[in-house]
Amino acid sequence: MTELAAPTTSTTARLGLDQLRRTVSGPVWDPGDVGLVAEIAGFNLAPVHEPVGVVGATDAADVAAAVRWARAHDLGVAVIATGHADFSHRGTLVVSTKRLDRCDVDPRARAVTVGAGVKWARVLEAAAPYGLTAVTGSSSDVGVVGFCTGGGIGPMIRRFGLGSDQVRAMQVVTGTGEIREVGRGDELFDAMLGGKDAAGIVVEMTVELVEVSRFHGGAIFYDAADAPAVLHAWRAWQARLGENTTTSIAILRMPDLEAAPPPLRGRTVVHLRFWHLGPEIEGLEILAPMRRVATPVLDMVGDLPSIAIDVVHCDPTDPMPAWITGGYLREITTETIDTVLAVAGPQHELPVVVVELRQTGGQALRGTQGVAARAPYAVGVVAPMVPELVDVVPALGLGLVDALAPWSAGTVPANYASPQTIAARPGACWTDDGRARLAAVVARTDPDAVLGGRRLGLR
């Protein structure tokens, strides 16, 4: 459960939370209220939150009122929806958007409009009857808005692009408390896609859907002893793939938990992730070279309905304390693979769950929406952020990424950016041009730095 500090001098009487309660329709919690813990507890249990208060927003007016109140009291505003991020919110007013649960599919327009609290799983279920699906992340348990405002890297990226490329329109509350409807061509619209909450807070978002009802894909797991052969084979194989296929590979240290499949429990394995849009026979032929490299411990690839997208990455579904970092790569060479094996191979006992190399190119490189950085590949590191590892994990994770500096594109996917990553490399979530564009919009929409620009290294 998310840990909370005891209330300090930021009391209801001093900060006027009673006045805020009279302004908004949703609930408002003081730091000492019992319900506050449950309201801001999310999937990631690692962050330690110490808010001055929490607003359970029910609509755009509630979000706008919360922002105006915080601005009047010289406070920052943080946003929590599904709680997958690893940022702690201290000394801020937290806006919880989980009550913003609209999910309306328009099959004729091939689009869905969602509230800021909606996860991809609900969208997939609503779209499937129409032969449609969404360009999701690796887990359907992630929120739509957080995924897209962070750029959005998923299993279909080479065929359809980033999640941010699919967004059509948004309702946004700025740092001055103004409610704005923005669409393609608006500078605030662009700033929100890849800029997280630096320029505004998304209340609703309309996202394009794609005509996909099935795919050939899933996961293959290999024994740790086969890691060198499998990783080197993957490097050569993935370079020959067309854009209807997206793949990644990871060194995965599985915990000894009942939630893990018995063949993998407590083992270090190599995890091949595979998604292909095309006939089953075509997918089988494409994947055949990787099946011949080594004998799988577990093969979960097949012809699947689009709603089963989670089987590709097999991300955990239970809340856990986690920390993530990563970076974009220009290329993956033989030397890149050798470096990954040298610093994170199965021969090491590391408190790291995942070290992944992922394709992030194809259509994503052609996208023009937003300020999110783009590159052909990405590296990601996920580790358990338990109290005894709070110093070890960030140092180890950043060290793993730094080892791949010779191939770095110089940027970090916004959804991979841990607090320590941003502290070490302020502004690394964007190219120089993207950062300049975002900063210019933030200066106009959030002149008092109420929103997330400071936390993201923009101010």
Protein backbone atom coordinates (compact mmCIF):
# COMPACT_ATOMS: atom_id res chain seq x y z
CA MET A 1 0.00 0.00 0.00
CA THR A 2 1.22 3.52 -0.76
CA GLU A 3 2.91 5.02 2.28
CA LEU A 4 1.77 8.43 3.51
CA ALA A 5 3.46 10.85 5.84
CA ALA A 6 1.60 12.22 8.85
CA PRO A 7 -0.07 15.60 8.28
CA THR A 8 2.18 18.60 8.95
CA THR A 9 1.39 22.32 8.98
CA SER A 10 -0.57 21.90 5.73
CA THR A 11 -3.90 21.66 7.57
CA THR A 12 -7.43 22.17 6.31
CA ALA A 13 -7.70 25.46 8.19
CA ARG A 14 -4.48 26.83 6.73
CA LEU A 15 -4.96 25.81 3.13
CA GLY A 16 -8.71 26.22 2.87
CA LEU A 17 -9.63 22.73 1.70
CA ASP A 18 -13.12 23.39 3.02
CA GLN A 19 -13.43 26.15 0.45
CA LEU A 20 -12.33 23.71 -2.26
CA ARG A 21 -14.94 21.21 -1.08
CA ARG A 22 -17.64 23.79 -1.68
CA THR A 23 -16.32 24.36 -5.20
CA VAL A 24 -16.05 20.84 -6.59
CA SER A 25 -18.61 18.06 -7.03
CA GLY A 26 -16.23 15.23 -6.20
CA PRO A 27 -14.81 14.25 -2.81
CA VAL A 28 -11.87 16.05 -1.19
CA TRP A 29 -9.59 14.39 1.35
CA ASP A 30 -7.30 15.90 3.98
CA PRO A 31 -3.88 14.25 4.56
CA GLY A 32 -5.22 12.45 7.63
CA ASP A 33 -8.40 11.10 6.07
CA VAL A 34 -8.68 7.31 5.92
CA GLY A 35 -10.06 7.31 2.37
CA LEU A 36 -7.09 9.22 0.96
CA VAL A 37 -4.80 6.17 0.96
CA ALA A 38 -7.15 4.07 -1.14
CA GLU A 39 -7.88 6.94 -3.50
CA ILE A 40 -4.30 7.48 -4.61
CA ALA A 41 -3.02 3.91 -4.33
CA GLY A 42 -2.13 2.69 -7.82
CA PHE A 43 -0.47 -0.22 -9.58
CA ASN A 44 3.03 0.93 -8.58
CA LEU A 45 3.35 0.65 -4.81
CA ALA A 46 6.81 2.22 -4.61
CA PRO A 47 6.02 5.98 -4.59
CA VAL A 48 5.67 7.68 -1.23
CA HIS A 49 2.96 10.33 -1.52
CA GLU A 50 2.63 13.26 0.89
CA PRO A 51 -0.12 15.43 -0.62
CA VAL A 52 -1.65 18.48 1.01
CA GLY A 53 -4.99 17.14 -0.17
CA VAL A 54 -6.65 14.98 -2.82
CA VAL A 55 -9.55 15.84 -5.13
CA GLY A 56 -11.57 13.03 -6.68
CA ALA A 57 -12.51 14.82 -9.89
CA THR A 58 -15.85 13.95 -11.49
CA ASP A 59 -15.61 16.26 -14.51
CA ALA A 60 -13.53 18.97 -16.19
CA ALA A 61 -14.99 21.63 -13.90
CA ASP A 62 -13.62 19.80 -10.85
CA VAL A 63 -10.15 19.57 -12.39
CA ALA A 64 -10.23 23.26 -13.33
CA ALA A 65 -11.36 24.28 -9.85
CA ALA A 66 -8.60 22.21 -8.25
CA VAL A 67 -5.96 23.83 -10.47
CA ARG A 68 -7.22 27.33 -9.73
CA TRP A 69 -7.29 26.62 -6.00
CA ALA A 70 -3.75 25.23 -6.02
CA ARG A 71 -2.51 28.19 -8.06
CA ALA A 72 -4.06 30.63 -5.58
CA HIS A 73 -2.25 28.84 -2.74
CA ASP A 74 1.11 28.64 -4.56
CA LEU A 75 0.93 24.87 -4.75
CA GLY A 76 1.65 22.41 -7.50
CA VAL A 77 -0.88 19.95 -8.91
CA ALA A 78 -0.13 16.27 -9.54
CA VAL A 79 -2.38 13.80 -11.34
CA ILE A 80 -3.03 10.14 -10.50
CA ALA A 81 -5.20 7.80 -12.56
CA THR A 82 -4.03 4.17 -12.69
CA GLY A 83 -0.87 4.90 -10.71
CA HIS A 84 1.70 3.09 -12.88
CA ALA A 85 4.30 5.87 -12.66
CA ASP A 86 7.07 5.85 -10.07
CA PHE A 87 6.95 9.54 -9.11
CA SER A 88 6.20 10.52 -5.50
CA HIS A 89 3.94 13.54 -5.01
CA ARG A 90 4.90 15.66 -2.01
CA GLY A 91 3.56 19.05 -0.99
CA THR A 92 1.12 19.15 -3.90
CA LEU A 93 -2.60 18.94 -4.43
CA VAL A 94 -3.30 15.58 -6.08
CA VAL A 95 -6.12 15.29 -8.61
CA SER A 96 -7.44 11.73 -8.95
CA THR A 97 -9.04 11.14 -12.34
CA LYS A 98 -10.23 7.56 -11.83
CA ARG A 99 -13.89 8.70 -11.75
CA LEU A 100 -13.60 10.05 -15.30
CA ASP A 101 -14.76 6.76 -16.79
CA ARG A 102 -16.48 7.60 -20.08
CA CYS A 103 -15.78 5.02 -22.82
CA ASP A 104 -17.78 5.56 -26.01
CA VAL A 105 -16.89 3.68 -29.21
CA ASP A 106 -17.99 5.20 -32.52
CA PRO A 107 -17.58 2.34 -35.02
CA ARG A 108 -18.40 4.50 -38.04
CA ALA A 109 -15.70 7.00 -37.16
CA ARG A 110 -13.37 4.20 -35.98
CA ALA A 111 -12.71 6.08 -32.77
CA VAL A 112 -13.24 5.90 -29.03
CA THR A 113 -13.65 8.77 -26.57
CA VAL A 114 -12.46 8.00 -23.05
CA GLY A 115 -12.21 9.73 -19.73
CA ALA A 116 -8.82 10.09 -18.08
CA GLY A 117 -9.47 7.17 -15.73
CA VAL A 118 -10.09 4.52 -18.42
CA LYS A 119 -7.68 1.65 -19.03
CA TRP A 120 -7.01 0.00 -22.38
CA ALA A 121 -8.70 -3.26 -21.34
CA ARG A 122 -12.08 -1.55 -21.31
CA VAL A 123 -11.46 -0.03 -24.74
CA LEU A 124 -10.45 -3.40 -26.21
CA GLU A 125 -13.61 -5.03 -24.89
CA ALA A 126 -15.82 -2.23 -26.22
CA ALA A 127 -14.18 -2.14 -29.67
CA ALA A 128 -13.91 -5.89 -30.35
CA PRO A 129 -17.57 -6.46 -31.38
CA TYR A 130 -17.01 -4.05 -34.29
CA GLY A 131 -13.84 -5.76 -35.55
CA LEU A 132 -11.78 -2.88 -34.16
CA THR A 133 -8.95 -2.60 -31.66
CA ALA A 134 -6.69 0.03 -30.16
CA VAL A 135 -2.97 0.71 -30.49
CA THR A 136 -2.23 -0.14 -26.87
CA GLY A 137 0.82 -0.55 -24.74
CA SER A 138 2.29 -3.88 -23.69
CA SER A 139 -0.31 -4.10 -20.91
CA SER A 140 -4.01 -3.39 -21.28
CA ASP A 141 -4.04 -2.50 -17.56
CA VAL A 142 -2.39 0.85 -18.38
CA GLY A 143 -4.46 4.03 -18.67
CA VAL A 144 -5.21 5.38 -22.15
CA VAL A 145 -4.37 9.00 -21.35
CA GLY A 146 -1.09 8.37 -19.52
CA PHE A 147 0.07 6.04 -22.28
CA CYS A 148 -0.67 8.49 -25.10
CA THR A 149 0.61 11.63 -23.36
CA GLY A 150 3.88 9.76 -22.79
CA GLY A 151 4.18 8.95 -26.50
CA GLY A 152 3.08 5.35 -26.18
CA ILE A 153 5.26 2.37 -27.19
CA GLY A 154 3.37 -0.86 -27.78
CA PRO A 155 3.43 -4.23 -29.55
CA MET A 156 1.96 -2.78 -32.78
CA ILE A 157 4.26 0.21 -33.03
CA ARG A 158 5.96 -0.63 -36.34
CA ARG A 159 2.61 -1.13 -38.11
CA PHE A 160 0.61 1.75 -36.60
CA GLY A 161 3.06 4.07 -34.84
CA LEU A 162 3.10 5.53 -31.35
CA GLY A 163 -0.02 5.73 -29.23
CA SER A 164 0.21 9.52 -29.50
CA ASP A 165 -0.09 9.23 -33.29
CA GLN A 166 -3.63 7.86 -32.87
CA VAL A 167 -5.05 10.76 -30.85
CA ARG A 168 -7.63 12.98 -32.58
CA ALA A 169 -8.79 15.38 -29.90
CA MET A 170 -8.60 16.15 -26.19
CA GLN A 171 -10.31 18.14 -23.49
CA VAL A 172 -7.54 19.73 -21.43
CA VAL A 173 -7.32 21.87 -18.29
CA THR A 174 -4.37 24.27 -18.40
CA GLY A 175 -2.23 25.53 -15.54
CA THR A 176 -4.43 28.62 -15.26
CA GLY A 177 -7.56 26.51 -14.81
CA GLU A 178 -8.93 27.08 -18.31
CA ILE A 179 -10.84 24.21 -19.97
CA ARG A 180 -9.89 23.83 -23.62
CA GLU A 181 -11.00 21.54 -26.44
CA VAL A 182 -7.96 20.90 -28.63
CA GLY A 183 -7.37 18.95 -31.84
CA ARG A 184 -4.83 18.42 -34.57
CA GLY A 185 -3.08 21.63 -35.52
CA ASP A 186 -3.38 23.20 -32.05
CA GLU A 187 -0.05 23.81 -30.31
CA LEU A 188 -1.44 22.64 -26.97
CA PHE A 189 -2.63 19.42 -28.61
CA ASP A 190 0.91 18.75 -29.82
CA ALA A 191 2.45 19.65 -26.46
CA MET A 192 0.23 17.17 -24.63
CA LEU A 193 1.36 14.24 -26.81
CA GLY A 194 4.74 13.39 -25.36
CA GLY A 195 4.65 16.22 -22.82
CA LYS A 196 2.73 14.27 -20.16
CA ASP A 197 1.08 16.81 -17.79
CA ALA A 198 3.58 19.64 -18.31
CA ALA A 199 1.19 21.83 -20.32
CA GLY A 200 -2.18 20.60 -19.09
CA ILE A 201 -4.29 17.86 -17.53
CA VAL A 202 -6.26 15.69 -19.95
CA VAL A 203 -9.88 15.14 -18.94
CA GLU A 204 -11.06 13.31 -22.08
CA MET A 205 -9.32 11.99 -25.17
CA THR A 206 -10.56 10.74 -28.54
CA VAL A 207 -8.36 8.05 -30.08
CA GLU A 208 -8.45 6.36 -33.48
CA LEU A 209 -9.14 2.64 -33.60
CA VAL A 210 -7.77 0.24 -36.19
CA GLU A 211 -9.49 -2.53 -38.15
CA VAL A 212 -7.73 -5.49 -36.55
CA SER A 213 -9.66 -8.39 -35.06
CA ARG A 214 -6.82 -10.93 -34.69
CA PHE A 215 -3.04 -11.27 -34.83
CA HIS A 216 -0.41 -13.99 -34.80
CA GLY A 217 1.82 -13.59 -31.82
CA GLY A 218 2.62 -14.14 -28.19
CA ALA A 219 5.68 -15.07 -26.16
CA ILE A 220 8.47 -17.64 -26.39
CA PHE A 221 10.73 -18.29 -23.40
CA TYR A 222 14.21 -19.82 -23.67
CA ASP A 223 16.55 -21.15 -21.02
CA ALA A 224 19.18 -18.77 -19.63
CA ALA A 225 21.96 -20.96 -21.04
CA ASP A 226 20.74 -20.12 -24.54
CA ALA A 227 20.83 -16.35 -23.98
CA PRO A 228 23.89 -15.58 -26.18
CA ALA A 229 22.61 -17.64 -29.11
CA VAL A 230 19.05 -16.31 -28.86
CA LEU A 231 19.93 -12.63 -28.44
CA HIS A 232 22.42 -12.63 -31.31
CA ALA A 233 19.99 -14.52 -33.54
CA TRP A 234 17.23 -12.04 -32.65
CA ARG A 235 19.44 -9.08 -33.64
CA ALA A 236 20.01 -10.45 -37.15
CA TRP A 237 16.43 -11.73 -37.55
CA GLN A 238 14.59 -8.57 -36.47
CA ALA A 239 16.52 -6.46 -38.99
CA ARG A 240 14.87 -8.41 -41.84
CA LEU A 241 11.29 -8.07 -40.63
CA GLY A 242 8.62 -6.04 -42.40
CA GLU A 243 6.53 -3.41 -40.64
CA ASN A 244 3.60 -5.79 -40.10
CA THR A 245 5.78 -7.41 -37.43
CA THR A 246 7.00 -5.95 -34.15
CA THR A 247 9.26 -7.81 -31.75
CA SER A 248 11.36 -7.31 -28.66
CA ILE A 249 13.60 -9.48 -26.53
CA ALA A 250 14.28 -9.44 -22.82
CA ILE A 251 16.39 -11.08 -20.18
CA LEU A 252 13.76 -11.89 -17.59
CA ARG A 253 14.43 -12.84 -13.99
CA MET A 254 11.19 -14.44 -12.87
CA PRO A 255 10.26 -14.30 -9.18
CA ASP A 256 9.39 -17.52 -7.39
CA LEU A 257 5.70 -16.68 -7.16
CA GLU A 258 2.56 -18.68 -7.84
CA ALA A 259 1.46 -16.07 -10.41
CA ALA A 260 4.34 -17.11 -12.69
CA PRO A 261 3.86 -20.12 -15.02
CA PRO A 262 5.42 -23.23 -13.39
CA PRO A 263 8.08 -23.72 -16.12
CA LEU A 264 9.36 -20.17 -15.49
CA ARG A 265 8.93 -19.77 -11.76
CA GLY A 266 12.12 -18.63 -10.04
CA ARG A 267 14.19 -18.88 -13.25
CA THR A 268 16.14 -16.50 -15.43
CA VAL A 269 14.95 -16.85 -19.01
CA VAL A 270 15.09 -15.06 -22.35
CA HIS A 271 11.67 -13.75 -23.39
CA LEU A 272 10.96 -13.24 -27.11
CA ARG A 273 7.91 -11.01 -27.75
CA PHE A 274 6.26 -11.31 -31.18
CA TRP A 275 3.28 -9.58 -32.86
CA HIS A 276 2.40 -10.04 -36.53
CA LEU A 277 -0.52 -8.76 -38.58
CA GLY A 278 -1.12 -11.34 -41.30
CA PRO A 279 -2.25 -14.91 -41.93
CA GLU A 280 -1.24 -17.56 -39.42
CA ILE A 281 0.89 -19.41 -41.98
CA GLU A 282 2.80 -16.20 -42.66
CA GLY A 283 3.43 -15.66 -38.96
CA LEU A 284 4.63 -19.23 -38.56
CA GLU A 285 7.11 -18.82 -41.43
CA ILE A 286 8.44 -15.53 -40.10
CA LEU A 287 8.98 -16.90 -36.60
CA ALA A 288 10.44 -20.26 -37.70
CA PRO A 289 14.13 -19.13 -37.62
CA MET A 290 13.82 -18.12 -33.96
CA ARG A 291 12.17 -21.43 -33.04
CA ARG A 292 15.19 -23.24 -34.52
CA VAL A 293 17.79 -21.30 -32.51
CA ALA A 294 17.10 -23.16 -29.28
CA THR A 295 14.45 -25.36 -27.67
CA PRO A 296 11.89 -23.15 -25.91
CA VAL A 297 11.08 -23.65 -22.25
CA LEU A 298 7.58 -22.36 -23.02
CA ASP A 299 5.99 -21.37 -26.35
CA MET A 300 2.83 -19.25 -26.10
CA VAL A 301 2.62 -17.99 -29.70
CA GLY A 302 -0.52 -18.60 -31.71
CA ASP A 303 -3.34 -17.05 -33.72
CA LEU A 304 -5.18 -14.86 -31.22
CA PRO A 305 -8.03 -12.34 -31.01
CA SER A 306 -6.93 -8.72 -30.78
CA ILE A 307 -8.22 -8.49 -27.22
CA ALA A 308 -5.51 -10.99 -26.15
CA ILE A 309 -2.67 -8.51 -26.79
CA ASP A 310 -1.34 -8.93 -23.22
CA VAL A 311 0.01 -12.40 -24.06
CA VAL A 312 2.82 -10.80 -26.11
CA HIS A 313 4.63 -9.19 -23.17
CA CYS A 314 3.02 -11.05 -20.26
CA ASP A 315 3.33 -8.02 -17.99
CA PRO A 316 2.39 -8.54 -14.33
CA THR A 317 -1.22 -7.84 -13.38
CA ASP A 318 -0.90 -7.48 -9.60
CA PRO A 319 0.20 -4.20 -7.96
CA MET A 320 3.87 -4.16 -7.04
CA PRO A 321 6.64 -1.70 -6.09
CA ALA A 322 8.50 -1.05 -9.33
CA TRP A 323 11.05 1.26 -10.92
CA ILE A 324 11.68 1.77 -14.62
CA THR A 325 14.26 3.51 -16.75
CA GLY A 326 15.40 3.28 -20.34
CA GLY A 327 16.45 5.12 -23.45
CA TYR A 328 16.15 5.22 -27.20
CA LEU A 329 18.85 3.58 -29.35
CA ARG A 330 20.02 4.48 -32.88
CA GLU A 331 20.93 0.90 -33.72
CA ILE A 332 21.49 -2.56 -32.29
CA THR A 333 24.74 -4.17 -33.37
CA THR A 334 26.60 -7.34 -32.43
CA GLU A 335 28.52 -5.21 -29.92
CA THR A 336 25.24 -3.93 -28.43
CA ILE A 337 24.15 -7.49 -27.72
CA ASP A 338 27.56 -8.36 -26.30
CA THR A 339 27.30 -5.38 -23.96
CA VAL A 340 23.83 -6.35 -22.74
CA LEU A 341 25.04 -9.87 -22.05
CA ALA A 342 28.18 -8.59 -20.30
CA VAL A 343 26.37 -6.22 -17.93
CA ALA A 344 22.99 -7.91 -17.49
CA GLY A 345 23.37 -11.51 -18.66
CA PRO A 346 22.09 -14.52 -16.72
CA GLN A 347 25.53 -15.04 -15.18
CA HIS A 348 24.85 -12.04 -12.90
CA GLU A 349 22.63 -12.09 -9.83
CA LEU A 350 20.89 -8.74 -10.26
CA PRO A 351 17.84 -7.23 -8.52
CA VAL A 352 16.38 -6.53 -11.96
CA VAL A 353 13.26 -8.17 -13.39
CA VAL A 354 13.54 -7.10 -17.03
CA VAL A 355 16.23 -5.81 -19.37
CA GLU A 356 14.59 -5.41 -22.76
CA LEU A 357 15.61 -4.42 -26.29
CA ARG A 358 12.57 -3.32 -28.30
CA GLN A 359 11.83 -2.34 -31.89
CA THR A 360 10.28 1.16 -31.90
CA GLY A 361 10.66 2.19 -35.53
CA GLY A 362 8.60 1.60 -38.65
CA GLN A 363 5.52 3.82 -38.80
CA ALA A 364 6.52 5.44 -35.50
CA LEU A 365 9.43 7.15 -37.23
CA ARG A 366 7.02 8.72 -39.75
CA GLY A 367 4.62 10.13 -37.17
CA THR A 368 4.37 13.90 -36.90
CA GLN A 369 1.99 14.41 -33.98
CA GLY A 370 3.26 15.61 -30.66
CA VAL A 371 6.65 16.28 -29.12
CA ALA A 372 7.49 12.69 -28.17
CA ALA A 373 10.98 11.58 -29.17
CA ARG A 374 11.30 8.78 -31.74
CA ALA A 375 14.03 6.29 -32.65
CA PRO A 376 14.32 2.79 -34.18
CA TYR A 377 14.97 0.96 -30.91
CA ALA A 378 14.62 1.32 -27.16
CA VAL A 379 16.12 -0.28 -24.08
CA GLY A 380 14.04 -0.69 -20.96
CA VAL A 381 14.93 -1.75 -17.42
CA VAL A 382 12.39 -2.74 -14.77
CA ALA A 383 13.34 -3.55 -11.18
CA PRO A 384 11.58 -4.07 -7.84
CA MET A 385 11.72 -0.87 -5.76
CA VAL A 386 11.56 -2.33 -2.27
CA PRO A 387 12.95 -0.37 0.72
CA GLU A 388 16.22 -2.30 0.94
CA LEU A 389 16.95 -1.54 -2.74
CA VAL A 390 16.02 2.15 -2.97
CA ASP A 391 19.64 3.17 -3.52
CA VAL A 392 20.83 0.07 -5.37
CA VAL A 393 18.13 -0.14 -8.06
CA PRO A 394 18.46 3.37 -9.57
CA ALA A 395 22.27 3.16 -9.61
CA LEU A 396 22.18 -0.27 -11.22
CA GLY A 397 19.43 0.60 -13.72
CA LEU A 398 21.03 3.83 -14.88
CA GLY A 399 24.36 2.02 -15.12
CA LEU A 400 22.85 -0.59 -17.44
CA VAL A 401 21.46 2.13 -19.71
CA ASP A 402 24.74 4.07 -19.61
CA ALA A 403 26.59 0.97 -20.78
CA LEU A 404 24.66 1.30 -24.05
CA ALA A 405 25.67 4.95 -24.54
CA PRO A 406 27.66 4.19 -27.74
CA TRP A 407 24.35 3.34 -29.43
CA SER A 408 22.13 5.90 -27.67
CA ALA A 409 19.85 8.22 -29.63
CA GLY A 410 20.20 10.73 -26.81
CA THR A 411 16.56 10.66 -25.68
CA VAL A 412 14.34 8.72 -23.27
CA PRO A 413 10.71 7.65 -23.87
CA ALA A 414 8.65 9.79 -21.49
CA ASN A 415 6.90 6.75 -20.03
CA TYR A 416 10.31 5.20 -19.26
CA ALA A 417 11.64 8.25 -17.42
CA SER A 418 12.12 7.63 -13.71
CA PRO A 419 12.70 10.54 -11.30
CA GLN A 420 16.39 9.59 -11.17
CA THR A 421 16.60 9.54 -14.97
CA ILE A 422 15.20 13.06 -15.21
CA ALA A 423 17.45 14.29 -12.39
CA ALA A 424 20.50 12.92 -14.20
CA ARG A 425 19.42 14.11 -17.66
CA PRO A 426 16.89 16.99 -17.46
CA GLY A 427 14.93 17.35 -20.66
CA ALA A 428 16.05 13.97 -22.03
CA CYS A 429 12.48 12.97 -22.90
CA TRP A 430 12.61 15.22 -25.96
CA THR A 431 14.85 16.26 -28.80
CA ASP A 432 16.15 19.84 -28.64
CA ASP A 433 13.39 20.95 -31.01
CA GLY A 434 10.68 19.06 -29.15
CA ARG A 435 11.80 20.43 -25.81
CA ALA A 436 11.84 23.99 -27.13
CA ARG A 437 8.33 23.63 -28.58
CA LEU A 438 7.00 22.12 -25.38
CA ALA A 439 8.65 24.72 -23.16
CA ALA A 440 7.17 27.55 -25.23
CA VAL A 441 3.66 26.16 -24.84
CA VAL A 442 4.13 25.48 -21.12
CA ALA A 443 5.24 29.08 -20.57
CA ARG A 444 1.87 30.22 -21.96
CA THR A 445 -0.47 27.59 -20.53
CA ASP A 446 1.16 27.19 -17.11
CA PRO A 447 2.97 30.47 -16.37
CA ASP A 448 3.14 29.78 -12.61
CA ALA A 449 4.53 26.24 -12.98
CA VAL A 450 1.54 24.64 -11.27
CA LEU A 451 1.60 21.44 -13.37
CA GLY A 452 4.22 18.79 -14.14
CA GLY A 453 6.82 20.80 -16.07
CA ARG A 454 9.17 21.15 -13.11
CA ARG A 455 8.94 17.46 -12.23
CA LEU A 456 9.77 16.56 -15.84
CA GLY A 457 12.90 18.75 -15.92
CA LEU A 458 11.43 21.53 -18.07
CA ARG A 459 11.64 24.35 -15.50
